[in-house]
C-alpha atoms as a PDB file:
ATOM      1  CA  MET A   1      85.143 -55.115-106.477  1.00  0.00           C
ATOM      2  CA  SER A   2      83.175 -51.898-105.282  1.00  0.00           C
ATOM      3  CA  SER A   3      83.910 -48.400-106.702  1.00  0.00           C
ATOM      4  CA  PHE A   4      85.430 -47.164-103.296  1.00  0.00           C
ATOM      5  CA  ALA A   5      87.912 -50.293-103.420  1.00  0.00           C
ATOM      6  CA  ILE A   6      88.696 -49.761-106.793  1.00  0.00           C
ATOM      7  CA  ALA A   7      89.417 -45.856-106.188  1.00  0.00           C
ATOM      8  CA  ALA A   8      91.678 -46.947-103.222  1.00  0.00           C
ATOM      9  CA  ASN A   9      93.517 -49.539-105.170  1.00  0.00           C
ATOM     10  CA  ARG A  10      94.458 -47.120-108.146  1.00  0.00           C
ATOM     11  CA  LEU A  11      95.448 -44.312-105.796  1.00  0.00           C
ATOM     12  CA  GLN A  12      97.454 -46.398-103.608  1.00  0.00           C
ATOM     13  CA  ARG A  13      99.763 -46.888-106.784  1.00  0.00           C
ATOM     14  CA  VAL A  14      99.244 -43.179-107.167  1.00  0.00           C
ATOM     15  CA  GLY A  15     100.752 -42.441-103.969  1.00  0.00           C
ATOM     16  CA  ILE A  16     103.662 -44.510-104.225  1.00  0.00           C
ATOM     17  CA  ILE A  17     104.916 -42.660-107.344  1.00  0.00           C
ATOM     18  CA  ALA A  18     104.067 -39.585-104.954  1.00  0.00           C
ATOM     19  CA  LEU A  19     105.795 -40.761-101.943  1.00  0.00           C
ATOM     20  CA  ALA A  20     109.113 -41.294-104.088  1.00  0.00           C
ATOM     21  CA  VAL A  21     108.662 -37.127-104.863  1.00  0.00           C
ATOM     22  CA  LEU A  22     107.728 -36.327-101.368  1.00  0.00           C
ATOM     23  CA  ILE A  23     109.328 -38.578 -98.820  1.00  0.00           C
ATOM     24  CA  PRO A  24     112.613 -36.138 -98.884  1.00  0.00           C
ATOM     25  CA  ILE A  25     110.766 -32.928 -97.580  1.00  0.00           C
ATOM     26  CA  THR A  26     107.696 -34.386 -95.864  1.00  0.00           C
ATOM     27  CA  PHE A  27     109.585 -34.258 -92.162  1.00  0.00           C
ATOM     28  CA  THR A  28     110.677 -30.676 -92.615  1.00  0.00           C
ATOM     29  CA  ALA A  29     107.320 -29.522 -94.355  1.00  0.00           C
ATOM     30  CA  ARG A  30     104.848 -30.977 -91.907  1.00  0.00           C
ATOM     31  CA  GLY A  31     103.834 -29.340 -89.271  1.00  0.00           C
ATOM     32  CA  THR A  32     104.898 -25.710 -90.064  1.00  0.00           C
ATOM     33  CA  THR A  33     102.541 -22.870 -90.783  1.00  0.00           C
ATOM     34  CA  ALA A  34     101.956 -20.276 -93.839  1.00  0.00           C
ATOM     35  CA  SER A  35     103.310 -16.838 -92.497  1.00  0.00           C
ATOM     36  CA  ALA A  36     101.205 -13.661 -92.808  1.00  0.00           C
ATOM     37  CA  ALA A  37     103.174 -13.262 -96.312  1.00  0.00           C
ATOM     38  CA  GLY A  38     102.285 -16.519 -97.364  1.00  0.00           C
ATOM     39  CA  MET A  39     105.929 -18.359 -96.651  1.00  0.00           C
ATOM     40  CA  PRO A  40     106.423 -21.123 -94.734  1.00  0.00           C
ATOM     41  CA  GLU A  41     107.283 -20.685 -90.806  1.00  0.00           C
ATOM     42  CA  ALA A  42     108.938 -23.455 -89.260  1.00  0.00           C
ATOM     43  CA  SER A  43     107.305 -25.077 -86.073  1.00  0.00           C
ATOM     44  CA  THR A  44     110.582 -25.823 -84.213  1.00  0.00           C
ATOM     45  CA  ALA A  45     113.980 -24.715 -84.550  1.00  0.00           C
ATOM     46  CA  ALA A  46     114.870 -28.011 -86.247  1.00  0.00           C
ATOM     47  CA  GLU A  47     112.735 -27.436 -89.144  1.00  0.00           C
ATOM     48  CA  THR A  48     113.968 -25.624 -92.032  1.00  0.00           C
ATOM     49  CA  PRO A  49     111.638 -23.095 -93.697  1.00  0.00           C
ATOM     50  CA  MET A  50     110.560 -24.219 -97.444  1.00  0.00           C
ATOM     51  CA  THR A  51     108.977 -22.762 -99.826  1.00  0.00           C
ATOM     52  CA  ALA A  52     105.353 -23.539-101.294  1.00  0.00           C
ATOM     53  CA  SER A  53     106.667 -24.754-104.731  1.00  0.00           C
ATOM     54  CA  HIS A  54     108.391 -27.562-102.176  1.00  0.00           C
ATOM     55  CA  VAL A  55     105.231 -28.495-100.576  1.00  0.00           C
ATOM     56  CA  PRO A  56     101.926 -29.330-102.017  1.00  0.00           C
ATOM     57  CA  ILE A  57      99.318 -29.205 -99.542  1.00  0.00           C
ATOM     58  CA  LEU A  58      97.730 -26.016 -97.870  1.00  0.00           C
ATOM     59  CA  LEU A  59      95.784 -27.263 -94.889  1.00  0.00           C
ATOM     60  CA  PHE A  60      93.443 -24.493 -93.223  1.00  0.00           C
ATOM     61  CA  ASN A  61      92.869 -24.155 -89.562  1.00  0.00           C
ATOM     62  CA  GLY A  62      91.621 -20.940 -88.823  1.00  0.00           C
ATOM     63  CA  THR A  63      88.628 -19.551 -87.122  1.00  0.00           C
ATOM     64  CA  GLY A  64      85.824 -21.668 -87.354  1.00  0.00           C
ATOM     65  CA  THR A  65      87.318 -25.050 -88.141  1.00  0.00           C
ATOM     66  CA  ILE A  66      87.648 -27.624 -85.206  1.00  0.00           C
ATOM     67  CA  ALA A  67      90.844 -28.614 -83.991  1.00  0.00           C
ATOM     68  CA  SER A  68      90.123 -32.445 -83.547  1.00  0.00           C
ATOM     69  CA  ASP A  69      89.042 -32.454 -87.025  1.00  0.00           C
ATOM     70  CA  VAL A  70      92.169 -30.462 -88.055  1.00  0.00           C
ATOM     71  CA  LYS A  71      94.273 -33.084 -86.322  1.00  0.00           C
ATOM     72  CA  ALA A  72      92.310 -35.945 -87.793  1.00  0.00           C
ATOM     73  CA  VAL A  73      93.075 -34.675 -91.212  1.00  0.00           C
ATOM     74  CA  GLU A  74      96.887 -34.243 -90.131  1.00  0.00           C
ATOM     75  CA  VAL A  75      97.085 -37.950 -89.404  1.00  0.00           C
ATOM     76  CA  ILE A  76      95.794 -38.906 -92.783  1.00  0.00           C
ATOM     77  CA  LEU A  77      98.039 -36.699 -94.480  1.00  0.00           C
ATOM     78  CA  SER A  78     101.056 -38.265 -91.851  1.00  0.00           C
ATOM     79  CA  ALA A  79     100.047 -41.609 -92.869  1.00  0.00           C
ATOM     80  CA  HIS A  80     100.491 -41.090 -96.817  1.00  0.00           C
ATOM     81  CA  ARG A  81     103.637 -38.997 -95.794  1.00  0.00           C
ATOM     82  CA  LEU A  82     102.220 -35.994 -97.611  1.00  0.00           C
ATOM     83  CA  ALA A  83     104.145 -32.637 -97.050  1.00  0.00           C
ATOM     84  CA  TYR A  84     101.872 -29.482 -96.114  1.00  0.00           C
ATOM     85  CA  HIS A  85     101.650 -26.411 -94.450  1.00  0.00           C
ATOM     86  CA  THR A  86      98.865 -25.037 -91.987  1.00  0.00           C
ATOM     87  CA  ALA A  87      97.511 -21.309 -92.682  1.00  0.00           C
ATOM     88  CA  ASN A  88      95.055 -19.830 -89.971  1.00  0.00           C
ATOM     89  CA  SER A  89      92.505 -16.904 -90.693  1.00  0.00           C
ATOM     90  CA  ALA A  90      94.781 -13.910 -90.623  1.00  0.00           C
ATOM     91  CA  GLN A  91      97.893 -16.045 -92.449  1.00  0.00           C
ATOM     92  CA  LEU A  92      95.400 -16.613 -95.490  1.00  0.00           C
ATOM     93  CA  ASN A  93      94.070 -13.349 -95.498  1.00  0.00           C
ATOM     94  CA  GLY A  94      97.611 -12.216 -95.945  1.00  0.00           C
ATOM     95  CA  MET A  95      98.372 -14.797 -98.588  1.00  0.00           C
ATOM     96  CA  SER A  96      98.052 -13.407-102.357  1.00  0.00           C
ATOM     97  CA  GLU A  97      96.665 -15.252-105.167  1.00  0.00           C
ATOM     98  CA  SER A  98     100.036 -15.848-106.571  1.00  0.00           C
ATOM     99  CA  GLN A  99     101.174 -17.496-103.305  1.00  0.00           C
ATOM    100  CA  LEU A 100      98.052 -19.900-103.162  1.00  0.00           C
ATOM    101  CA  LYS A 101      98.613 -21.052-106.303  1.00  0.00           C
ATOM    102  CA  ALA A 102     101.930 -22.040-105.526  1.00  0.00           C
ATOM    103  CA  TYR A 103     100.119 -24.888-103.706  1.00  0.00           C
ATOM    104  CA  LYS A 104      98.530 -27.920-105.445  1.00  0.00           C
ATOM    105  CA  LEU A 105      95.496 -28.689-102.883  1.00  0.00           C
ATOM    106  CA  LEU A 106      93.742 -26.474-100.324  1.00  0.00           C
ATOM    107  CA  ILE A 107      91.873 -28.863 -97.735  1.00  0.00           C
ATOM    108  CA  VAL A 108      89.498 -27.007 -95.293  1.00  0.00           C
ATOM    109  CA  PRO A 109      88.043 -29.131 -92.562  1.00  0.00           C
ATOM    110  CA  GLY A 110      85.078 -29.403 -90.464  1.00  0.00           C
ATOM    111  CA  GLY A 111      83.535 -27.085 -88.295  1.00  0.00           C
ATOM    112  CA  ASN A 112      81.366 -23.773 -88.724  1.00  0.00           C
ATOM    113  CA  SER A 113      81.337 -22.644 -92.317  1.00  0.00           C
ATOM    114  CA  ILE A 114      79.589 -19.278 -91.484  1.00  0.00           C
ATOM    115  CA  THR A 115      82.585 -18.582 -89.083  1.00  0.00           C
ATOM    116  CA  ILE A 116      84.986 -19.564 -91.262  1.00  0.00           C
ATOM    117  CA  GLY A 117      83.795 -17.078 -94.083  1.00  0.00           C
ATOM    118  CA  ASP A 118      83.019 -14.392 -91.760  1.00  0.00           C
ATOM    119  CA  ASN A 119      86.604 -13.919 -90.373  1.00  0.00           C
ATOM    120  CA  LEU A 120      88.074 -14.204 -93.798  1.00  0.00           C
ATOM    121  CA  ARG A 121      88.177 -11.130 -96.151  1.00  0.00           C
ATOM    122  CA  SER A 122      86.082 -11.075 -99.166  1.00  0.00           C
ATOM    123  CA  SER A 123      89.116 -10.258-101.214  1.00  0.00           C
ATOM    124  CA  THR A 124      90.694 -13.476 -99.527  1.00  0.00           C
ATOM    125  CA  THR A 125      87.834 -15.805-100.593  1.00  0.00           C
ATOM    126  CA  ALA A 126      88.226 -14.229-104.051  1.00  0.00           C
ATOM    127  CA  ASN A 127      91.751 -15.117-104.051  1.00  0.00           C
ATOM    128  CA  VAL A 128      91.460 -18.715-103.500  1.00  0.00           C
ATOM    129  CA  HIS A 129      87.996 -18.865-105.730  1.00  0.00           C
ATOM    130  CA  ASN A 130      90.696 -17.277-108.482  1.00  0.00           C
ATOM    131  CA  ALA A 131      93.541 -20.165-107.505  1.00  0.00           C
ATOM    132  CA  VAL A 132      90.978 -22.669-107.843  1.00  0.00           C
ATOM    133  CA  ASN A 133      89.893 -21.530-111.409  1.00  0.00           C
ATOM    134  CA  ALA A 134      93.813 -21.268-112.227  1.00  0.00           C
ATOM    135  CA  GLY A 135      94.385 -24.884-111.116  1.00  0.00           C
ATOM    136  CA  LEU A 136      94.475 -25.183-107.269  1.00  0.00           C
ATOM    137  CA  HIS A 137      92.645 -28.164-106.269  1.00  0.00           C
ATOM    138  CA  TYR A 138      90.241 -28.096-103.266  1.00  0.00           C
ATOM    139  CA  LEU A 139      89.121 -30.452-100.664  1.00  0.00           C
ATOM    140  CA  GLY A 140      86.140 -29.620 -98.439  1.00  0.00           C
ATOM    141  CA  ILE A 141      85.002 -31.494 -95.844  1.00  0.00           C
ATOM    142  CA  CYS A 142      81.824 -30.900 -93.861  1.00  0.00           C
ATOM    143  CA  ALA A 143      82.034 -27.324 -93.162  1.00  0.00           C
ATOM    144  CA  GLY A 144      84.649 -27.001 -95.692  1.00  0.00           C
ATOM    145  CA  GLY A 145      82.005 -28.315 -98.163  1.00  0.00           C
ATOM    146  CA  PHE A 146      79.392 -25.727 -97.499  1.00  0.00           C
ATOM    147  CA  PHE A 147      82.550 -23.219 -97.574  1.00  0.00           C
ATOM    148  CA  GLY A 148      83.057 -24.337-101.301  1.00  0.00           C
ATOM    149  CA  GLY A 149      79.580 -23.537-102.351  1.00  0.00           C
ATOM    150  CA  TYR A 150      77.755 -20.489-102.465  1.00  0.00           C
ATOM    151  CA  SER A 151      77.033 -18.553 -99.353  1.00  0.00           C
ATOM    152  CA  ASP A 152      76.072 -15.003 -98.388  1.00  0.00           C
ATOM    153  CA  HIS A 153      78.612 -15.651 -95.613  1.00  0.00           C
ATOM    154  CA  ASN A 154      81.513 -15.071 -97.505  1.00  0.00           C
ATOM    155  CA  GLY A 155      81.605 -18.632 -99.359  1.00  0.00           C
ATOM    156  CA  LEU A 156      83.977 -19.546-102.303  1.00  0.00           C
ATOM    157  CA  ASN A 157      81.603 -20.265-104.511  1.00  0.00           C
ATOM    158  CA  LEU A 158      83.380 -22.949-106.670  1.00  0.00           C
ATOM    159  CA  THR A 159      79.589 -24.089-107.747  1.00  0.00           C
ATOM    160  CA  SER A 160      78.672 -21.500-110.154  1.00  0.00           C
ATOM    161  CA  GLY A 161      76.238 -19.805-107.327  1.00  0.00           C
ATOM    162  CA  VAL A 162      74.715 -23.377-106.148  1.00  0.00           C
ATOM    163  CA  TRP A 163      74.481 -23.597-102.159  1.00  0.00           C
ATOM    164  CA  PHE A 164      74.044 -26.605-100.193  1.00  0.00           C
ATOM    165  CA  ASP A 165      71.667 -27.121 -97.372  1.00  0.00           C
ATOM    166  CA  VAL A 166      72.212 -29.774 -94.445  1.00  0.00           C
ATOM    167  CA  TYR A 167      71.588 -33.328 -95.043  1.00  0.00           C
ATOM    168  CA  SER A 168      68.278 -34.129 -93.086  1.00  0.00           C
ATOM    169  CA  ASN A 169      69.191 -37.776 -92.284  1.00  0.00           C
ATOM    170  CA  TYR A 170      65.579 -38.541 -92.310  1.00  0.00           C
ATOM    171  CA  GLY A 171      64.313 -35.822 -90.397  1.00  0.00           C
ATOM    172  CA  LYS A 172      65.884 -37.683 -86.937  1.00  0.00           C
ATOM    173  CA  GLY A 173      66.889 -34.870 -85.284  1.00  0.00           C
ATOM    174  CA  THR A 174      70.408 -36.305 -84.333  1.00  0.00           C
ATOM    175  CA  HIS A 175      73.310 -34.065 -84.890  1.00  0.00           C
ATOM    176  CA  LYS A 176      75.879 -36.573 -85.035  1.00  0.00           C
ATOM    177  CA  ALA A 177      75.477 -40.052 -86.673  1.00  0.00           C
ATOM    178  CA  ALA A 178      76.734 -43.317 -88.348  1.00  0.00           C
ATOM    179  CA  VAL A 179      75.360 -42.758 -91.677  1.00  0.00           C
ATOM    180  CA  GLU A 180      75.681 -45.429 -94.813  1.00  0.00           C
ATOM    181  CA  VAL A 181      77.191 -43.853 -97.943  1.00  0.00           C
ATOM    182  CA  ARG A 182      76.868 -45.503-100.866  1.00  0.00           C
ATOM    183  CA  ASP A 183      79.199 -45.992-104.058  1.00  0.00           C
ATOM    184  CA  SER A 184      78.166 -46.483-107.611  1.00  0.00           C
ATOM    185  CA  ASP A 185      78.193 -50.083-107.331  1.00  0.00           C
ATOM    186  CA  GLY A 186      75.992 -50.105-104.532  1.00  0.00           C
ATOM    187  CA  GLU A 187      78.920 -50.623-101.914  1.00  0.00           C
ATOM    188  CA  ALA A 188      78.539 -49.157 -98.618  1.00  0.00           C
ATOM    189  CA  LEU A 189      80.599 -47.412 -95.597  1.00  0.00           C
ATOM    190  CA  ASP A 190      79.224 -46.468 -92.665  1.00  0.00           C
ATOM    191  CA  GLN A 191      80.581 -42.827 -92.050  1.00  0.00           C
ATOM    192  CA  TYR A 192      80.710 -40.263 -89.583  1.00  0.00           C
ATOM    193  CA  TRP A 193      78.194 -37.662 -90.158  1.00  0.00           C
ATOM    194  CA  GLN A 194      77.884 -34.435 -87.964  1.00  0.00           C
ATOM    195  CA  ASP A 195      75.323 -31.809 -89.388  1.00  0.00           C
ATOM    196  CA  GLY A 196      77.077 -32.218 -92.964  1.00  0.00           C
ATOM    197  CA  PRO A 197      75.692 -31.118 -96.165  1.00  0.00           C
ATOM    198  CA  GLN A 198      73.939 -32.655 -99.295  1.00  0.00           C
ATOM    199  CA  PHE A 199      75.385 -31.622-102.687  1.00  0.00           C
ATOM    200  CA  SER A 200      72.472 -31.549-104.793  1.00  0.00           C
ATOM    201  CA  GLY A 201      72.812 -29.577-108.103  1.00  0.00           C
ATOM    202  CA  TRP A 202      76.685 -29.562-108.672  1.00  0.00           C
ATOM    203  CA  GLY A 203      79.066 -32.013-109.468  1.00  0.00           C
ATOM    204  CA  SER A 204      79.343 -35.840-110.147  1.00  0.00           C
ATOM    205  CA  ILE A 205      77.960 -37.839-107.111  1.00  0.00           C
ATOM    206  CA  VAL A 206      80.768 -40.129-105.851  1.00  0.00           C
ATOM    207  CA  GLY A 207      79.066 -41.566-103.070  1.00  0.00           C
ATOM    208  CA  GLU A 208      75.213 -40.978-101.903  1.00  0.00           C
ATOM    209  CA  TYR A 209      73.406 -41.174 -98.617  1.00  0.00           C
ATOM    210  CA  PRO A 210      70.533 -43.682 -97.907  1.00  0.00           C
ATOM    211  CA  ASP A 211      67.576 -41.456 -99.599  1.00  0.00           C
ATOM    212  CA  GLY A 212      69.639 -40.883-102.626  1.00  0.00           C
ATOM    213  CA  ALA A 213      71.187 -37.451-101.859  1.00  0.00           C
ATOM    214  CA  PRO A 214      74.863 -36.629-102.493  1.00  0.00           C
ATOM    215  CA  ALA A 215      77.162 -37.145 -99.996  1.00  0.00           C
ATOM    216  CA  ILE A 216      80.604 -36.950-102.096  1.00  0.00           C
ATOM    217  CA  VAL A 217      80.750 -34.833-105.088  1.00  0.00           C
ATOM    218  CA  GLU A 218      83.329 -34.239-107.392  1.00  0.00           C
ATOM    219  CA  GLY A 219      83.949 -31.651-110.433  1.00  0.00           C
ATOM    220  CA  ARG A 220      85.755 -28.765-112.085  1.00  0.00           C
ATOM    221  CA  SER A 221      85.691 -24.986-111.048  1.00  0.00           C
ATOM    222  CA  GLY A 222      88.075 -23.474-113.877  1.00  0.00           C
ATOM    223  CA  ASN A 223      90.680 -25.451-113.999  1.00  0.00           C
ATOM    224  CA  GLY A 224      90.898 -26.403-110.439  1.00  0.00           C
ATOM    225  CA  TRP A 225      89.841 -29.862-109.215  1.00  0.00           C
ATOM    226  CA  VAL A 226      87.095 -30.109-106.352  1.00  0.00           C
ATOM    227  CA  ILE A 227      86.212 -32.770-104.166  1.00  0.00           C
ATOM    228  CA  LEU A 228      82.898 -31.772-101.370  1.00  0.00           C
ATOM    229  CA  SER A 229      82.559 -34.381 -98.537  1.00  0.00           C
ATOM    230  CA  GLY A 230      79.279 -34.155 -96.151  1.00  0.00           C
ATOM    231  CA  VAL A 231      80.833 -36.908 -94.167  1.00  0.00           C
ATOM    232  CA  HIS A 232      83.873 -37.553 -92.219  1.00  0.00           C
ATOM    233  CA  PRO A 233      86.016 -40.389 -93.358  1.00  0.00           C
ATOM    234  CA  GLU A 234      88.759 -39.062 -91.639  1.00  0.00           C
ATOM    235  CA  ALA A 235      87.115 -39.226 -87.862  1.00  0.00           C
ATOM    236  CA  PRO A 236      89.214 -41.440 -85.389  1.00  0.00           C
ATOM    237  CA  GLU A 237      87.725 -44.164 -83.571  1.00  0.00           C
ATOM    238  CA  SER A 238      87.488 -41.545 -80.341  1.00  0.00           C
ATOM    239  CA  TRP A 239      84.464 -39.735 -81.980  1.00  0.00           C
ATOM    240  CA  ARG A 240      82.693 -43.328 -82.521  1.00  0.00           C
ATOM    241  CA  TYR A 241      81.478 -43.260 -78.720  1.00  0.00           C
ATOM    242  CA  GLY A 242      77.934 -43.976 -78.263  1.00  0.00           C
ATOM    243  CA  MET A 243      77.129 -44.789 -81.972  1.00  0.00           C
ATOM    244  CA  LYS A 244      77.276 -48.351 -83.744  1.00  0.00           C
ATOM    245  CA  PHE A 245      79.285 -48.443 -86.887  1.00  0.00           C
ATOM    246  CA  THR A 246      79.148 -52.021 -89.311  1.00  0.00           C
ATOM    247  CA  THR A 247      82.689 -50.312 -90.785  1.00  0.00           C
ATOM    248  CA  PRO A 248      86.105 -50.050 -88.938  1.00  0.00           C
ATOM    249  CA  ALA A 249      87.579 -46.718 -88.393  1.00  0.00           C
ATOM    250  CA  GLY A 250      90.564 -47.774 -90.230  1.00  0.00           C
ATOM    251  CA  VAL A 251      88.810 -48.424 -93.410  1.00  0.00           C
ATOM    252  CA  ASP A 252      86.866 -45.061 -93.607  1.00  0.00           C
ATOM    253  CA  ASN A 253      90.398 -43.475 -92.552  1.00  0.00           C
ATOM    254  CA  ALA A 254      91.699 -45.153 -95.652  1.00  0.00           C
ATOM    255  CA  TYR A 255      88.777 -43.876 -97.725  1.00  0.00           C
ATOM    256  CA  ALA A 256      89.933 -40.416 -96.367  1.00  0.00           C
ATOM    257  CA  GLY A 257      93.270 -40.963 -97.822  1.00  0.00           C
ATOM    258  CA  THR A 258      91.742 -42.005-101.236  1.00  0.00           C
ATOM    259  CA  LEU A 259      89.824 -38.463-100.972  1.00  0.00           C
ATOM    260  CA  VAL A 260      92.822 -36.579-100.237  1.00  0.00           C
ATOM    261  CA  LEU A 261      95.265 -38.175-103.036  1.00  0.00           C
ATOM    262  CA  ALA A 262      92.043 -37.648-105.852  1.00  0.00           C
ATOM    263  CA  ALA A 263      92.021 -34.099-104.798  1.00  0.00           C
ATOM    264  CA  LEU A 264      95.695 -33.401-104.818  1.00  0.00           C
ATOM    265  CA  ASN A 265      96.421 -35.330-108.155  1.00  0.00           C
ATOM    266  CA  GLY A 266      92.956 -34.100-110.018  1.00  0.00           C
ATOM    267  CA  THR A 267      91.949 -37.672-110.137  1.00  0.00           C
ATOM    268  CA  SER A 268      87.975 -38.258-110.864  1.00  0.00           C
ATOM    269  CA  LEU A 269      86.864 -41.257-108.494  1.00  0.00           C
ATOM    270  CA  PRO A 270      84.245 -43.903-109.729  1.00  0.00           C
ATOM    271  CA  HIS A 271      80.801 -41.759-109.737  1.00  0.00           C
ATOM    272  CA  PHE A 272      76.956 -42.460-110.686  1.00  0.00           C
END
């Protein structure tokens, strides 16, 4: 059995345990936003605002993120019945370090990492950095992966000064493609890639691009657990138009759930 499958099976058991805790609150917390003061605001009148202590995940949907990828991540969270709040740039700027530390996991999805960083205060990224070092976990996908590293554009620097370059995809000149990602057992999944990073120089390698460059990595930043992905396993079938994949979208989406659960629970995945 491949390490992709082993990780999925192990974390499925963890997810079942998490479900028992999260089911009572999922449907009131899902789809709410964090206010500028850091407290959730219900998206409908029927929903009851809840404190971050009851909601484990904060999903960033601010300036620089792509709405369709935020939605794709929300689909994965909903499939696992995981409660979450969303926060845009202004709302994240309004949150203190202690309010951030009330969550277990911050997810930053795809988009433009420069735009993300430039629309946040330096004090905000410092608060996030410090919250992660204190125990908040972090999952960065594509732009969120760039943003998690060092950057002159107000990156989080969860990587002790290591910055990341775009994966060249063999210099094919394409900006999006089906790219094979191999696990430590040599098994592979075709993943949606769109100008995503490679993570040379930091963390343990969970998945490799075809040329051996790190595609998915994990590691600690202080007491926080950090997972960075240069590809989009959460990508829906609709993103695949004009490209040939050997891996069904559902299989990749299941692996996205594996990454979320590993990040949420601070679990190490099989790595090289």
